[in-house]
Amino acid sequence: MRSPEHVASAVSDPKLVEERRAEILDAAVRLFSENGYYVTTIQQIAKASGVSIGLIYQYFGDKDDILFLSLKLVLDRYETEIPARLEGVEHPVDRLCTAIWAYCSIVDALRHAAVLTYRSTKSLRADRRTLIQDAERKTNLLIEGCVHQCVAGGYMREVDEFLFAYQVVLFCHAWALKNWALRDRFSLAEYVSEGVKLMVEPFLTAKGKAALAALRRRSHDFRDEPARTAPR
């Protein structure tokens, strides 16, 4: 019995499979987001991606396969890119702010797919829905770990780290879910900066606020910059 994560393909060339699936998934995500999963047909996905229906079935078994890989695309990016952005970042306050920026920047790059995770995860078959939920929990643990380091280091007062991590995740997702309202008021960098003021700064100790102030003096926001060293 195949793993629920497995998506069969009639094409054996891994590079071709990756490239062709990416094209089809890009079209599918847009259609799922605009029209809904149940209304969108394979025929519409084929037309939007410029391929035949038969070709789609060479790379996917059914529409559930397409939805699953669409959602997995976002979660895989969280799982790989957030840790990559944290590499070399040592100070706990810096790590938390960097993680928030990394999460928001991925959401910004994949806004339609991020919205789709809210609308359509429930449409997956049960075993795959569990995989998506487990992948989300893994990302949340990354955020939770950053919060824990801040608390353990005396930079943040004690909080419910699990709940705090979920507040961060919801804030990041809101950039996609409410982008129509937010984009006219904030750039992404401004949104992250204001989020740090609202979510992180109120919970910092004096020591933590001093560290955050030092980070701000060195950088106007928490973008793709090399690791910074804040005072302890």
C-alpha atoms as a PDB file:
ATOM      1  CA  MET A   1       0.000   0.000   0.000  1.00  0.00           C
ATOM      2  CA  ARG A   2       1.425   3.354  -1.037  1.00  0.00           C
ATOM      3  CA  SER A   3       2.032   6.161   1.417  1.00  0.00           C
ATOM      4  CA  PRO A   4      -0.638   8.907   1.374  1.00  0.00           C
ATOM      5  CA  GLU A   5       2.217  11.287   0.532  1.00  0.00           C
ATOM      6  CA  HIS A   6       2.972   9.444  -2.707  1.00  0.00           C
ATOM      7  CA  VAL A   7       1.647  10.948  -5.947  1.00  0.00           C
ATOM      8  CA  ALA A   8       2.127   8.551  -8.846  1.00  0.00           C
ATOM      9  CA  SER A   9       3.339   9.743 -12.250  1.00  0.00           C
ATOM     10  CA  ALA A  10       3.432   7.933 -15.579  1.00  0.00           C
ATOM     11  CA  VAL A  11       6.550   9.958 -16.465  1.00  0.00           C
ATOM     12  CA  SER A  12       9.858   8.599 -15.180  1.00  0.00           C
ATOM     13  CA  ASP A  13      12.106  11.656 -15.657  1.00  0.00           C
ATOM     14  CA  PRO A  14      12.186  13.362 -12.196  1.00  0.00           C
ATOM     15  CA  LYS A  15      13.244  16.744 -13.614  1.00  0.00           C
ATOM     16  CA  LEU A  16      10.450  16.737 -16.185  1.00  0.00           C
ATOM     17  CA  VAL A  17       7.930  15.667 -13.536  1.00  0.00           C
ATOM     18  CA  GLU A  18       9.013  18.528 -11.257  1.00  0.00           C
ATOM     19  CA  GLU A  19       8.861  21.126 -14.034  1.00  0.00           C
ATOM     20  CA  ARG A  20       5.546  20.023 -15.512  1.00  0.00           C
ATOM     21  CA  ARG A  21       3.882  19.616 -12.128  1.00  0.00           C
ATOM     22  CA  ALA A  22       5.010  23.124 -11.141  1.00  0.00           C
ATOM     23  CA  GLU A  23       3.295  24.575 -14.226  1.00  0.00           C
ATOM     24  CA  ILE A  24       0.082  22.668 -13.573  1.00  0.00           C
ATOM     25  CA  LEU A  25       0.063  23.449  -9.849  1.00  0.00           C
ATOM     26  CA  ASP A  26       0.511  27.166 -10.523  1.00  0.00           C
ATOM     27  CA  ALA A  27      -2.639  27.188 -12.643  1.00  0.00           C
ATOM     28  CA  ALA A  28      -4.529  24.932 -10.230  1.00  0.00           C
ATOM     29  CA  VAL A  29      -3.767  27.093  -7.191  1.00  0.00           C
ATOM     30  CA  ARG A  30      -5.122  30.170  -8.950  1.00  0.00           C
ATOM     31  CA  LEU A  31      -8.297  28.383 -10.008  1.00  0.00           C
ATOM     32  CA  PHE A  32      -8.859  26.712  -6.642  1.00  0.00           C
ATOM     33  CA  SER A  33      -8.393  30.092  -4.920  1.00  0.00           C
ATOM     34  CA  GLU A  34     -10.688  31.985  -7.279  1.00  0.00           C
ATOM     35  CA  ASN A  35     -13.437  29.418  -7.864  1.00  0.00           C
ATOM     36  CA  GLY A  36     -13.125  26.887  -5.050  1.00  0.00           C
ATOM     37  CA  TYR A  37     -11.835  23.333  -5.096  1.00  0.00           C
ATOM     38  CA  TYR A  38     -15.107  21.526  -5.817  1.00  0.00           C
ATOM     39  CA  VAL A  39     -16.160  23.818  -8.661  1.00  0.00           C
ATOM     40  CA  THR A  40     -12.802  23.721 -10.425  1.00  0.00           C
ATOM     41  CA  THR A  41     -12.492  20.914 -12.971  1.00  0.00           C
ATOM     42  CA  ILE A  42      -9.491  19.085 -14.429  1.00  0.00           C
ATOM     43  CA  GLN A  43     -10.548  20.481 -17.812  1.00  0.00           C
ATOM     44  CA  GLN A  44     -10.259  24.056 -16.478  1.00  0.00           C
ATOM     45  CA  ILE A  45      -6.853  23.312 -14.933  1.00  0.00           C
ATOM     46  CA  ALA A  46      -5.660  21.849 -18.238  1.00  0.00           C
ATOM     47  CA  LYS A  47      -6.816  24.890 -20.186  1.00  0.00           C
ATOM     48  CA  ALA A  48      -5.270  27.356 -17.708  1.00  0.00           C
ATOM     49  CA  SER A  49      -1.933  25.519 -17.733  1.00  0.00           C
ATOM     50  CA  GLY A  50      -1.909  25.105 -21.527  1.00  0.00           C
ATOM     51  CA  VAL A  51      -1.843  21.299 -21.569  1.00  0.00           C
ATOM     52  CA  SER A  52      -4.250  18.514 -22.435  1.00  0.00           C
ATOM     53  CA  ILE A  53      -6.383  16.705 -19.896  1.00  0.00           C
ATOM     54  CA  GLY A  54      -4.578  13.503 -20.796  1.00  0.00           C
ATOM     55  CA  LEU A  55      -1.216  15.061 -20.006  1.00  0.00           C
ATOM     56  CA  ILE A  56      -2.417  16.088 -16.546  1.00  0.00           C
ATOM     57  CA  TYR A  57      -3.285  12.464 -15.818  1.00  0.00           C
ATOM     58  CA  GLN A  58       0.287  11.510 -16.702  1.00  0.00           C
ATOM     59  CA  TYR A  59       1.485  13.551 -13.714  1.00  0.00           C
ATOM     60  CA  PHE A  60      -1.430  13.255 -11.272  1.00  0.00           C
ATOM     61  CA  GLY A  61      -3.870  10.480 -10.478  1.00  0.00           C
ATOM     62  CA  ASP A  62      -6.810  12.742  -9.638  1.00  0.00           C
ATOM     63  CA  LYS A  63      -7.792  16.197  -8.406  1.00  0.00           C
ATOM     64  CA  ASP A  64      -6.996  15.247  -4.801  1.00  0.00           C
ATOM     65  CA  ASP A  65      -3.363  14.721  -5.887  1.00  0.00           C
ATOM     66  CA  ILE A  66      -3.284  18.237  -7.334  1.00  0.00           C
ATOM     67  CA  LEU A  67      -4.760  19.812  -4.214  1.00  0.00           C
ATOM     68  CA  PHE A  68      -2.445  17.850  -1.922  1.00  0.00           C
ATOM     69  CA  LEU A  69       0.716  18.940  -3.753  1.00  0.00           C
ATOM     70  CA  SER A  70      -0.596  22.525  -3.935  1.00  0.00           C
ATOM     71  CA  LEU A  71      -0.899  22.674  -0.154  1.00  0.00           C
ATOM     72  CA  LYS A  72       2.300  20.725   0.444  1.00  0.00           C
ATOM     73  CA  LEU A  73       4.194  23.256  -1.671  1.00  0.00           C
ATOM     74  CA  VAL A  74       3.585  25.988   0.908  1.00  0.00           C
ATOM     75  CA  LEU A  75       4.326  23.842   3.937  1.00  0.00           C
ATOM     76  CA  ASP A  76       7.518  22.479   2.400  1.00  0.00           C
ATOM     77  CA  ARG A  77       8.703  26.048   1.873  1.00  0.00           C
ATOM     78  CA  TYR A  78       8.064  26.848   5.549  1.00  0.00           C
ATOM     79  CA  GLU A  79       9.910  23.728   6.642  1.00  0.00           C
ATOM     80  CA  THR A  80      13.006  24.358   4.516  1.00  0.00           C
ATOM     81  CA  GLU A  81      13.290  28.143   4.255  1.00  0.00           C
ATOM     82  CA  ILE A  82      12.624  29.232   7.829  1.00  0.00           C
ATOM     83  CA  PRO A  83      15.449  27.074   9.263  1.00  0.00           C
ATOM     84  CA  ALA A  84      17.704  28.226   6.417  1.00  0.00           C
ATOM     85  CA  ARG A  85      17.036  31.858   7.313  1.00  0.00           C
ATOM     86  CA  LEU A  86      17.784  31.115  10.962  1.00  0.00           C
ATOM     87  CA  GLU A  87      21.173  29.561  10.230  1.00  0.00           C
ATOM     88  CA  GLY A  88      23.890  31.624  11.874  1.00  0.00           C
ATOM     89  CA  VAL A  89      21.392  33.795  13.757  1.00  0.00           C
ATOM     90  CA  GLU A  90      22.264  33.239  17.392  1.00  0.00           C
ATOM     91  CA  HIS A  91      20.561  35.843  19.553  1.00  0.00           C
ATOM     92  CA  PRO A  92      17.086  34.653  20.682  1.00  0.00           C
ATOM     93  CA  VAL A  93      15.323  37.968  19.978  1.00  0.00           C
ATOM     94  CA  ASP A  94      16.948  38.141  16.556  1.00  0.00           C
ATOM     95  CA  ARG A  95      15.925  34.552  15.827  1.00  0.00           C
ATOM     96  CA  LEU A  96      12.278  35.206  16.700  1.00  0.00           C
ATOM     97  CA  CYS A  97      12.111  38.352  14.571  1.00  0.00           C
ATOM     98  CA  THR A  98      13.915  36.647  11.708  1.00  0.00           C
ATOM     99  CA  ALA A  99      11.507  33.694  11.862  1.00  0.00           C
ATOM    100  CA  ILE A 100       8.523  36.047  11.674  1.00  0.00           C
ATOM    101  CA  TRP A 101      10.023  37.842   8.684  1.00  0.00           C
ATOM    102  CA  ALA A 102      10.858  34.535   6.953  1.00  0.00           C
ATOM    103  CA  TYR A 103       7.343  33.183   7.496  1.00  0.00           C
ATOM    104  CA  CYS A 104       5.705  36.373   6.200  1.00  0.00           C
ATOM    105  CA  SER A 105       7.960  36.533   3.149  1.00  0.00           C
ATOM    106  CA  ILE A 106       7.006  32.960   2.178  1.00  0.00           C
ATOM    107  CA  VAL A 107       3.323  33.797   2.614  1.00  0.00           C
ATOM    108  CA  ASP A 108       3.847  36.878   0.443  1.00  0.00           C
ATOM    109  CA  ALA A 109       5.467  34.818  -2.316  1.00  0.00           C
ATOM    110  CA  LEU A 110       2.725  32.162  -2.203  1.00  0.00           C
ATOM    111  CA  ARG A 111      -0.337  34.181  -1.222  1.00  0.00           C
ATOM    112  CA  HIS A 112      -2.889  32.200  -3.254  1.00  0.00           C
ATOM    113  CA  ALA A 113      -1.557  28.890  -1.977  1.00  0.00           C
ATOM    114  CA  ALA A 114      -1.499  30.165   1.604  1.00  0.00           C
ATOM    115  CA  VAL A 115      -5.161  31.152   1.342  1.00  0.00           C
ATOM    116  CA  LEU A 116      -5.893  27.757  -0.186  1.00  0.00           C
ATOM    117  CA  THR A 117      -4.588  25.984   2.932  1.00  0.00           C
ATOM    118  CA  TYR A 118      -7.396  27.655   4.895  1.00  0.00           C
ATOM    119  CA  ARG A 119     -10.126  27.072   2.359  1.00  0.00           C
ATOM    120  CA  SER A 120      -9.414  23.597   1.092  1.00  0.00           C
ATOM    121  CA  THR A 121      -7.421  21.464   3.553  1.00  0.00           C
ATOM    122  CA  LYS A 122     -10.729  19.982   4.695  1.00  0.00           C
ATOM    123  CA  SER A 123     -11.373  18.853   1.103  1.00  0.00           C
ATOM    124  CA  LEU A 124      -8.442  16.440   1.135  1.00  0.00           C
ATOM    125  CA  ARG A 125      -9.003  12.810   1.936  1.00  0.00           C
ATOM    126  CA  ALA A 126      -8.482  12.149   5.635  1.00  0.00           C
ATOM    127  CA  ASP A 127      -4.986  10.624   5.572  1.00  0.00           C
ATOM    128  CA  ARG A 128      -3.600  13.501   3.534  1.00  0.00           C
ATOM    129  CA  ARG A 129      -5.374  16.066   5.667  1.00  0.00           C
ATOM    130  CA  THR A 130      -3.505  14.618   8.637  1.00  0.00           C
ATOM    131  CA  LEU A 131      -0.191  14.981   6.774  1.00  0.00           C
ATOM    132  CA  ILE A 132      -0.873  18.654   6.076  1.00  0.00           C
ATOM    133  CA  GLN A 133      -1.833  19.286   9.699  1.00  0.00           C
ATOM    134  CA  ASP A 134       1.300  17.511  10.914  1.00  0.00           C
ATOM    135  CA  ALA A 135       3.436  19.623   8.576  1.00  0.00           C
ATOM    136  CA  GLU A 136       1.847  22.775   9.983  1.00  0.00           C
ATOM    137  CA  ARG A 137       2.634  21.618  13.515  1.00  0.00           C
ATOM    138  CA  LYS A 138       6.305  21.159  12.562  1.00  0.00           C
ATOM    139  CA  THR A 139       6.492  24.759  11.395  1.00  0.00           C
ATOM    140  CA  ASN A 140       4.742  25.947  14.535  1.00  0.00           C
ATOM    141  CA  LEU A 141       7.354  24.117  16.596  1.00  0.00           C
ATOM    142  CA  LEU A 142      10.059  26.197  14.902  1.00  0.00           C
ATOM    143  CA  ILE A 143       8.319  29.387  16.026  1.00  0.00           C
ATOM    144  CA  GLU A 144       7.606  27.940  19.451  1.00  0.00           C
ATOM    145  CA  GLY A 145      11.291  27.065  19.810  1.00  0.00           C
ATOM    146  CA  CYS A 146      12.282  30.668  19.085  1.00  0.00           C
ATOM    147  CA  VAL A 147       9.846  31.886  21.734  1.00  0.00           C
ATOM    148  CA  HIS A 148      11.190  29.360  24.224  1.00  0.00           C
ATOM    149  CA  GLN A 149      14.750  30.584  23.669  1.00  0.00           C
ATOM    150  CA  CYS A 150      13.637  34.150  24.393  1.00  0.00           C
ATOM    151  CA  VAL A 151      11.918  33.097  27.610  1.00  0.00           C
ATOM    152  CA  ALA A 152      14.760  30.811  28.736  1.00  0.00           C
ATOM    153  CA  GLY A 153      17.327  33.536  28.090  1.00  0.00           C
ATOM    154  CA  GLY A 154      15.442  36.092  30.144  1.00  0.00           C
ATOM    155  CA  TYR A 155      14.578  38.245  27.124  1.00  0.00           C
ATOM    156  CA  MET A 156      10.849  37.588  27.317  1.00  0.00           C
ATOM    157  CA  ARG A 157       8.535  37.074  30.250  1.00  0.00           C
ATOM    158  CA  GLU A 158       6.906  33.686  30.613  1.00  0.00           C
ATOM    159  CA  VAL A 159       4.073  33.089  28.166  1.00  0.00           C
ATOM    160  CA  ASP A 160       2.115  30.136  26.845  1.00  0.00           C
ATOM    161  CA  GLU A 161       4.655  29.356  24.129  1.00  0.00           C
ATOM    162  CA  PHE A 162       2.273  27.137  22.150  1.00  0.00           C
ATOM    163  CA  LEU A 163      -0.410  29.828  22.029  1.00  0.00           C
ATOM    164  CA  PHE A 164       2.106  32.570  21.286  1.00  0.00           C
ATOM    165  CA  ALA A 165       3.407  30.583  18.311  1.00  0.00           C
ATOM    166  CA  TYR A 166      -0.126  30.271  16.944  1.00  0.00           C
ATOM    167  CA  GLN A 167      -0.635  34.033  17.245  1.00  0.00           C
ATOM    168  CA  VAL A 168       2.502  34.526  15.170  1.00  0.00           C
ATOM    169  CA  VAL A 169       1.300  32.019  12.580  1.00  0.00           C
ATOM    170  CA  LEU A 170      -2.114  33.699  12.323  1.00  0.00           C
ATOM    171  CA  PHE A 171      -0.435  37.092  11.945  1.00  0.00           C
ATOM    172  CA  CYS A 172       1.719  35.775   9.096  1.00  0.00           C
ATOM    173  CA  HIS A 173      -1.233  34.119   7.356  1.00  0.00           C
ATOM    174  CA  ALA A 174      -3.264  37.320   7.646  1.00  0.00           C
ATOM    175  CA  TRP A 175      -0.914  38.916   5.122  1.00  0.00           C
ATOM    176  CA  ALA A 176      -2.469  36.543   2.552  1.00  0.00           C
ATOM    177  CA  LEU A 177      -5.982  36.265   3.958  1.00  0.00           C
ATOM    178  CA  LYS A 178      -6.507  40.024   4.287  1.00  0.00           C
ATOM    179  CA  ASN A 179      -4.025  41.237   1.699  1.00  0.00           C
ATOM    180  CA  TRP A 180      -6.728  43.215  -0.083  1.00  0.00           C
ATOM    181  CA  ALA A 181      -6.965  45.493   2.979  1.00  0.00           C
ATOM    182  CA  LEU A 182      -3.378  45.398   4.254  1.00  0.00           C
ATOM    183  CA  ARG A 183      -1.479  46.048   1.014  1.00  0.00           C
ATOM    184  CA  ASP A 184      -2.793  49.611   0.736  1.00  0.00           C
ATOM    185  CA  ARG A 185      -1.525  50.470   4.216  1.00  0.00           C
ATOM    186  CA  PHE A 186       1.727  48.545   4.582  1.00  0.00           C
ATOM    187  CA  SER A 187       4.626  47.186   2.619  1.00  0.00           C
ATOM    188  CA  LEU A 188       5.615  43.711   3.721  1.00  0.00           C
ATOM    189  CA  ALA A 189       8.568  45.112   5.698  1.00  0.00           C
ATOM    190  CA  GLU A 190       6.280  47.613   7.443  1.00  0.00           C
ATOM    191  CA  TYR A 191       3.772  44.869   8.225  1.00  0.00           C
ATOM    192  CA  VAL A 192       6.453  42.715   9.858  1.00  0.00           C
ATOM    193  CA  SER A 193       7.867  45.674  11.765  1.00  0.00           C
ATOM    194  CA  GLU A 194       4.440  46.606  13.134  1.00  0.00           C
ATOM    195  CA  GLY A 195       3.795  42.961  13.971  1.00  0.00           C
ATOM    196  CA  VAL A 196       6.953  42.821  16.070  1.00  0.00           C
ATOM    197  CA  LYS A 197       5.784  45.929  17.928  1.00  0.00           C
ATOM    198  CA  LEU A 198       2.353  44.419  18.577  1.00  0.00           C
ATOM    199  CA  MET A 199       3.221  40.791  19.310  1.00  0.00           C
ATOM    200  CA  VAL A 200       6.801  40.619  20.523  1.00  0.00           C
ATOM    201  CA  GLU A 201       7.800  43.897  22.149  1.00  0.00           C
ATOM    202  CA  PRO A 202       5.064  43.964  24.836  1.00  0.00           C
ATOM    203  CA  PHE A 203       6.304  40.614  26.178  1.00  0.00           C
ATOM    204  CA  LEU A 204       9.996  41.496  26.281  1.00  0.00           C
ATOM    205  CA  THR A 205      11.818  42.106  29.539  1.00  0.00           C
ATOM    206  CA  ALA A 206      14.071  45.144  29.931  1.00  0.00           C
ATOM    207  CA  LYS A 207      16.926  42.957  28.754  1.00  0.00           C
ATOM    208  CA  GLY A 208      14.920  41.874  25.729  1.00  0.00           C
ATOM    209  CA  LYS A 209      13.902  45.425  24.841  1.00  0.00           C
ATOM    210  CA  ALA A 210      17.540  46.488  24.972  1.00  0.00           C
ATOM    211  CA  ALA A 211      18.422  43.665  22.583  1.00  0.00           C
ATOM    212  CA  LEU A 212      15.594  44.605  20.206  1.00  0.00           C
ATOM    213  CA  ALA A 213      16.650  48.262  20.271  1.00  0.00           C
ATOM    214  CA  ALA A 214      20.186  47.220  19.331  1.00  0.00           C
ATOM    215  CA  LEU A 215      18.835  45.201  16.401  1.00  0.00           C
ATOM    216  CA  ARG A 216      16.794  48.169  15.203  1.00  0.00           C
ATOM    217  CA  ARG A 217      19.823  50.432  15.294  1.00  0.00           C
ATOM    218  CA  ARG A 218      21.613  48.004  13.000  1.00  0.00           C
ATOM    219  CA  SER A 219      18.685  47.395  10.655  1.00  0.00           C
ATOM    220  CA  HIS A 220      15.426  49.082   9.703  1.00  0.00           C
ATOM    221  CA  ASP A 221      13.641  45.751   9.480  1.00  0.00           C
ATOM    222  CA  PHE A 222      14.301  42.015   9.611  1.00  0.00           C
ATOM    223  CA  ARG A 223      15.017  41.194   5.992  1.00  0.00           C
ATOM    224  CA  ASP A 224      17.505  38.889   4.260  1.00  0.00           C
ATOM    225  CA  GLU A 225      20.453  40.230   6.181  1.00  0.00           C
ATOM    226  CA  PRO A 226      23.330  38.277   7.661  1.00  0.00           C
ATOM    227  CA  ALA A 227      23.103  37.287  11.294  1.00  0.00           C
ATOM    228  CA  ARG A 228      23.373  40.144  13.737  1.00  0.00           C
ATOM    229  CA  THR A 229      24.795  40.082  17.224  1.00  0.00           C
ATOM    230  CA  ALA A 230      22.706  41.827  19.843  1.00  0.00           C
ATOM    231  CA  PRO A 231      24.003  42.768  23.294  1.00  0.00           C
ATOM    232  CA  ARG A 232      23.357  40.292  26.059  1.00  0.00           C
END
